[in-house]
Amino acid sequence: MKRIDRAIVLGGVLVFSMGSGLPARAFEIPESRRKAVIEERDVYTQAKLEAPRYDVRNAMVVRASLERTRRILTHFDLFAGLVPYIDRSNYDPRTRLLDVAGGIWKYRLEATLQFREESPDRWSFRIIKGHFLGMTGVMAFRQIEPGRTLVTFEGGLTAEKGAKFPPRLIIEQGAQIIFAVTGRRVRSLVEDPQFEPQEAVTRAGEAPRSRSRNESERPERDPRSGVPQPRRSL
């Protein structure tokens, strides 16, 4: 994929500002969706492009303790083995760098995220390399009652003047599909009492962990599978 300084080519040229600030607190789920998320186990997803601003948000409730939910969902190397849209997730707990790659509908994303544990229940990140360079965001955990944890994820960036984004279908609907599928997959693991990831506790001094999907692990391209299929062109 062609790189030009800080620009990347992905169905157009994207040039992103590094000035996006982190939100002071986790976002609030819209009132119209709150009951569905809290009581009916809906996975709330939103991806909104209002140039030059692009924002993504995700929220779900997990039927597990705060400690267990946080411990497993910050085990970032798990994602390539769980989500059909993520091909690679390499995480180094010593540096808290996550190298991730994946895509949808023939559009591919590769990025390196720098995570920072601001508190046990709040992890911030910045994309320091690759696509969406400069995006910042927060992953937060909050116990809403014993055995039920609210997880929120949000990220955003402000594009420089004249930036061109991928098609809205990809950057909005595609992103929402990825977040919804990811949320349901990882939630089912956290709620499974038999599941414990290898070396589940992230500690400073651990060796890097990685997971890549090989060809035998790739999802079948079956239209009945429920996984949207890539298209030759948009």
Protein backbone atom coordinates (compact mmCIF):
# COMPACT_ATOMS: atom_id res chain seq x y z
CA MET A 1 0.00 0.00 0.00
CA LYS A 2 1.45 3.34 -1.04
CA ARG A 3 2.50 5.73 1.73
CA ILE A 4 3.13 9.43 1.08
CA ASP A 5 4.51 11.16 4.18
CA ARG A 6 1.56 11.00 6.59
CA ALA A 7 -0.92 10.22 3.85
CA ILE A 8 -2.26 6.80 2.99
CA VAL A 9 -4.11 5.57 -0.06
CA LEU A 10 -7.28 3.62 0.73
CA GLY A 11 -9.84 4.42 -1.92
CA GLY A 12 -8.56 8.01 -1.67
CA VAL A 13 -5.95 9.98 0.22
CA LEU A 14 -6.33 10.42 3.96
CA VAL A 15 -4.27 12.99 5.84
CA PHE A 16 -5.00 13.15 9.55
CA SER A 17 -4.18 15.69 12.20
CA MET A 18 -2.37 14.63 15.36
CA GLY A 19 -4.32 17.12 17.44
CA SER A 20 -7.31 15.00 18.52
CA GLY A 21 -7.76 15.18 22.29
CA LEU A 22 -8.84 12.35 24.55
CA PRO A 23 -12.35 12.55 25.98
CA ALA A 24 -12.45 13.42 29.67
CA ARG A 25 -14.90 10.59 30.40
CA ALA A 26 -16.60 7.69 28.69
CA PHE A 27 -19.40 8.73 26.38
CA GLU A 28 -23.03 8.37 27.37
CA ILE A 29 -25.19 5.92 25.44
CA PRO A 30 -28.03 7.80 23.72
CA GLU A 31 -31.24 7.68 25.73
CA SER A 32 -33.07 6.03 22.83
CA ARG A 33 -30.66 3.09 22.89
CA ARG A 34 -29.88 2.82 26.59
CA LYS A 35 -32.58 0.29 27.47
CA ALA A 36 -31.63 -1.93 24.51
CA VAL A 37 -27.98 -1.95 25.58
CA ILE A 38 -28.43 -2.24 29.34
CA GLU A 39 -31.44 -4.56 29.52
CA GLU A 40 -31.71 -6.28 26.13
CA ARG A 41 -28.00 -6.93 25.43
CA ASP A 42 -27.83 -4.90 22.26
CA VAL A 43 -24.34 -3.96 21.08
CA TYR A 44 -24.41 -0.23 20.38
CA THR A 45 -22.23 0.87 17.48
CA GLN A 46 -21.84 4.22 15.80
CA ALA A 47 -19.42 5.39 13.12
CA LYS A 48 -19.99 8.93 11.93
CA LEU A 49 -18.20 10.95 9.28
CA GLU A 50 -18.86 14.66 9.36
CA ALA A 51 -15.79 15.90 7.54
CA PRO A 52 -13.30 16.83 8.73
CA ARG A 53 -14.29 14.84 11.84
CA TYR A 54 -14.61 11.06 12.08
CA ASP A 55 -15.81 9.31 15.26
CA VAL A 56 -16.50 5.71 16.26
CA ARG A 57 -18.30 4.51 19.38
CA ASN A 58 -19.19 1.11 20.79
CA ALA A 59 -20.91 -0.02 24.00
CA MET A 60 -22.15 -3.30 25.45
CA VAL A 61 -22.98 -4.94 28.75
CA VAL A 62 -21.15 -8.12 29.74
CA ARG A 63 -22.54 -10.59 32.26
CA ALA A 64 -19.30 -10.96 34.15
CA SER A 65 -17.40 -9.23 36.93
CA LEU A 66 -15.54 -6.00 36.27
CA GLU A 67 -12.19 -7.69 36.95
CA ARG A 68 -12.78 -10.61 34.60
CA THR A 69 -14.17 -8.42 31.82
CA ARG A 70 -11.25 -6.01 31.99
CA ARG A 71 -8.65 -8.77 32.21
CA ILE A 72 -9.85 -10.60 29.11
CA LEU A 73 -10.72 -7.61 26.94
CA THR A 74 -7.29 -6.05 27.46
CA HIS A 75 -5.76 -9.31 26.22
CA PHE A 76 -5.60 -7.72 22.77
CA ASP A 77 -3.80 -10.55 21.00
CA LEU A 78 -6.99 -12.64 21.14
CA PHE A 79 -8.85 -10.71 18.47
CA ALA A 80 -7.36 -12.23 15.30
CA GLY A 81 -8.57 -15.66 16.35
CA LEU A 82 -12.08 -14.48 17.14
CA VAL A 83 -13.21 -11.91 14.62
CA PRO A 84 -13.44 -12.71 10.90
CA TYR A 85 -12.40 -9.17 9.93
CA ILE A 86 -9.13 -9.18 11.92
CA ASP A 87 -6.22 -11.11 10.40
CA ARG A 88 -3.40 -10.10 12.75
CA SER A 89 -3.19 -8.82 16.32
CA ASN A 90 0.27 -8.68 17.86
CA TYR A 91 0.44 -7.18 21.36
CA ASP A 92 3.49 -6.45 23.51
CA PRO A 93 2.47 -5.92 27.17
CA ARG A 94 5.88 -4.40 27.95
CA THR A 95 5.44 -1.49 25.55
CA ARG A 96 1.63 -1.73 25.29
CA LEU A 97 1.88 -1.59 21.52
CA LEU A 98 -0.78 -3.38 19.44
CA ASP A 99 -0.12 -4.11 15.76
CA VAL A 100 -3.40 -4.97 14.08
CA ALA A 101 -4.48 -5.70 10.51
CA GLY A 102 -7.78 -6.60 8.90
CA GLY A 103 -10.47 -5.30 6.62
CA ILE A 104 -13.92 -5.55 5.11
CA TRP A 105 -15.21 -5.61 1.51
CA LYS A 106 -11.69 -5.63 0.03
CA TYR A 107 -10.61 -2.58 2.01
CA ARG A 108 -7.67 -3.32 4.28
CA LEU A 109 -6.50 -1.52 7.40
CA GLU A 110 -3.16 -1.82 9.17
CA ALA A 111 -2.27 0.23 12.23
CA THR A 112 -0.15 0.34 15.37
CA LEU A 113 -1.89 1.49 18.55
CA GLN A 114 -0.08 2.78 21.62
CA PHE A 115 -2.15 1.97 24.71
CA ARG A 116 -1.82 3.66 28.08
CA GLU A 117 -3.40 2.38 31.28
CA GLU A 118 -4.63 5.60 32.86
CA SER A 119 -6.36 3.56 35.56
CA PRO A 120 -7.36 -0.11 35.77
CA ASP A 121 -10.76 0.78 34.31
CA ARG A 122 -9.65 3.28 31.65
CA TRP A 123 -7.25 2.52 28.80
CA SER A 124 -6.46 5.27 26.31
CA PHE A 125 -4.87 4.78 22.90
CA ARG A 126 -3.33 6.67 20.02
CA ILE A 127 -2.66 5.32 16.53
CA ILE A 128 1.02 6.03 15.96
CA LYS A 129 1.55 4.24 12.66
CA GLY A 130 -0.50 3.20 9.65
CA HIS A 131 -4.07 4.02 8.74
CA PHE A 132 -6.03 6.61 10.73
CA LEU A 133 -2.76 8.01 12.02
CA GLY A 134 -3.38 10.29 14.97
CA MET A 135 -6.72 8.81 16.03
CA THR A 136 -7.08 8.84 19.82
CA GLY A 137 -9.60 7.14 22.02
CA VAL A 138 -10.55 5.39 25.23
CA MET A 139 -11.70 1.93 26.28
CA ALA A 140 -13.50 2.06 29.64
CA PHE A 141 -15.04 -0.44 32.05
CA ARG A 142 -17.74 0.26 34.65
CA GLN A 143 -19.63 -2.09 36.95
CA ILE A 144 -23.32 -1.31 36.72
CA GLU A 145 -24.25 -3.99 39.27
CA PRO A 146 -22.53 -7.10 40.65
CA GLY A 147 -21.79 -9.46 37.78
CA ARG A 148 -22.63 -6.94 35.02
CA THR A 149 -20.04 -4.66 33.42
CA LEU A 150 -20.54 -1.87 30.92
CA VAL A 151 -17.76 -1.64 28.31
CA THR A 152 -17.40 1.45 26.14
CA PHE A 153 -14.98 2.17 23.33
CA GLU A 154 -14.61 5.41 21.42
CA GLY A 155 -12.12 6.92 19.03
CA GLY A 156 -11.93 10.00 16.89
CA LEU A 157 -9.76 12.19 14.73
CA THR A 158 -9.91 15.44 12.84
CA ALA A 159 -8.73 15.35 9.24
CA GLU A 160 -6.61 18.04 7.71
CA LYS A 161 -8.18 20.36 5.18
CA GLY A 162 -8.76 18.69 1.82
CA ALA A 163 -8.52 15.10 3.11
CA LYS A 164 -10.41 12.41 1.20
CA PHE A 165 -12.00 9.55 3.09
CA PRO A 166 -12.86 6.02 1.93
CA PRO A 167 -16.47 5.58 0.74
CA ARG A 168 -19.04 6.29 3.43
CA LEU A 169 -20.28 2.70 3.06
CA ILE A 170 -16.89 1.48 4.33
CA ILE A 171 -16.07 4.08 6.94
CA GLU A 172 -19.54 4.10 8.52
CA GLN A 173 -21.50 0.91 7.79
CA GLY A 174 -18.41 -1.28 7.47
CA ALA A 175 -17.01 -0.01 10.76
CA GLN A 176 -20.34 -0.57 12.52
CA ILE A 177 -20.48 -4.17 11.29
CA ILE A 178 -16.95 -4.85 12.51
CA PHE A 179 -17.61 -3.37 15.96
CA ALA A 180 -20.90 -5.23 16.36
CA VAL A 181 -19.42 -8.61 15.38
CA THR A 182 -16.34 -8.01 17.55
CA GLY A 183 -18.46 -7.05 20.53
CA ARG A 184 -20.67 -10.13 20.35
CA ARG A 185 -17.72 -12.49 19.86
CA VAL A 186 -15.60 -11.21 22.74
CA ARG A 187 -18.60 -10.90 25.05
CA SER A 188 -19.44 -14.57 24.56
CA LEU A 189 -15.90 -15.52 25.60
CA VAL A 190 -15.89 -13.36 28.70
CA GLU A 191 -19.23 -14.84 29.76
CA ASP A 192 -18.05 -18.42 29.25
CA PRO A 193 -16.87 -19.57 32.73
CA GLN A 194 -14.68 -22.24 31.13
CA PHE A 195 -12.69 -19.73 29.09
CA GLU A 196 -9.35 -18.41 30.26
CA PRO A 197 -6.86 -17.01 27.72
CA GLN A 198 -3.30 -18.18 28.00
CA GLU A 199 -1.34 -15.82 30.25
CA ALA A 200 -4.56 -13.92 30.79
CA VAL A 201 -3.14 -11.29 33.14
CA THR A 202 -1.29 -8.50 31.33
CA ARG A 203 1.83 -7.64 33.30
CA ALA A 204 4.88 -5.48 32.61
CA GLY A 205 7.77 -7.73 31.66
CA GLU A 206 5.74 -10.27 29.70
CA ALA A 207 6.97 -11.38 26.32
CA PRO A 208 5.10 -10.11 23.25
CA ARG A 209 2.02 -12.10 22.35
CA SER A 210 0.65 -12.47 18.87
CA ARG A 211 -2.11 -14.12 16.92
CA SER A 212 -2.52 -14.34 13.17
CA ARG A 213 -5.25 -16.01 11.18
CA ASN A 214 -3.84 -18.51 8.71
CA GLU A 215 -5.69 -19.70 5.64
CA SER A 216 -7.24 -22.65 7.42
CA GLU A 217 -8.69 -20.32 10.05
CA ARG A 218 -10.24 -17.85 7.61
CA PRO A 219 -14.04 -17.86 7.64
CA GLU A 220 -15.78 -19.70 4.84
CA ARG A 221 -17.07 -17.38 2.16
CA ASP A 222 -20.58 -18.71 2.55
CA PRO A 223 -23.43 -16.20 2.18
CA ARG A 224 -25.38 -18.19 4.77
CA SER A 225 -22.69 -17.67 7.42
CA GLY A 226 -24.01 -14.26 8.47
CA VAL A 227 -20.65 -12.65 7.71
CA PRO A 228 -20.87 -9.97 4.97
CA GLN A 229 -18.86 -10.99 1.94
CA PRO A 230 -16.22 -8.81 0.28
CA ARG A 231 -17.03 -7.32 -3.09
CA ARG A 232 -14.82 -6.95 -6.13
CA SER A 233 -15.63 -3.26 -6.41
CA LEU A 234 -17.76 -0.65 -4.73
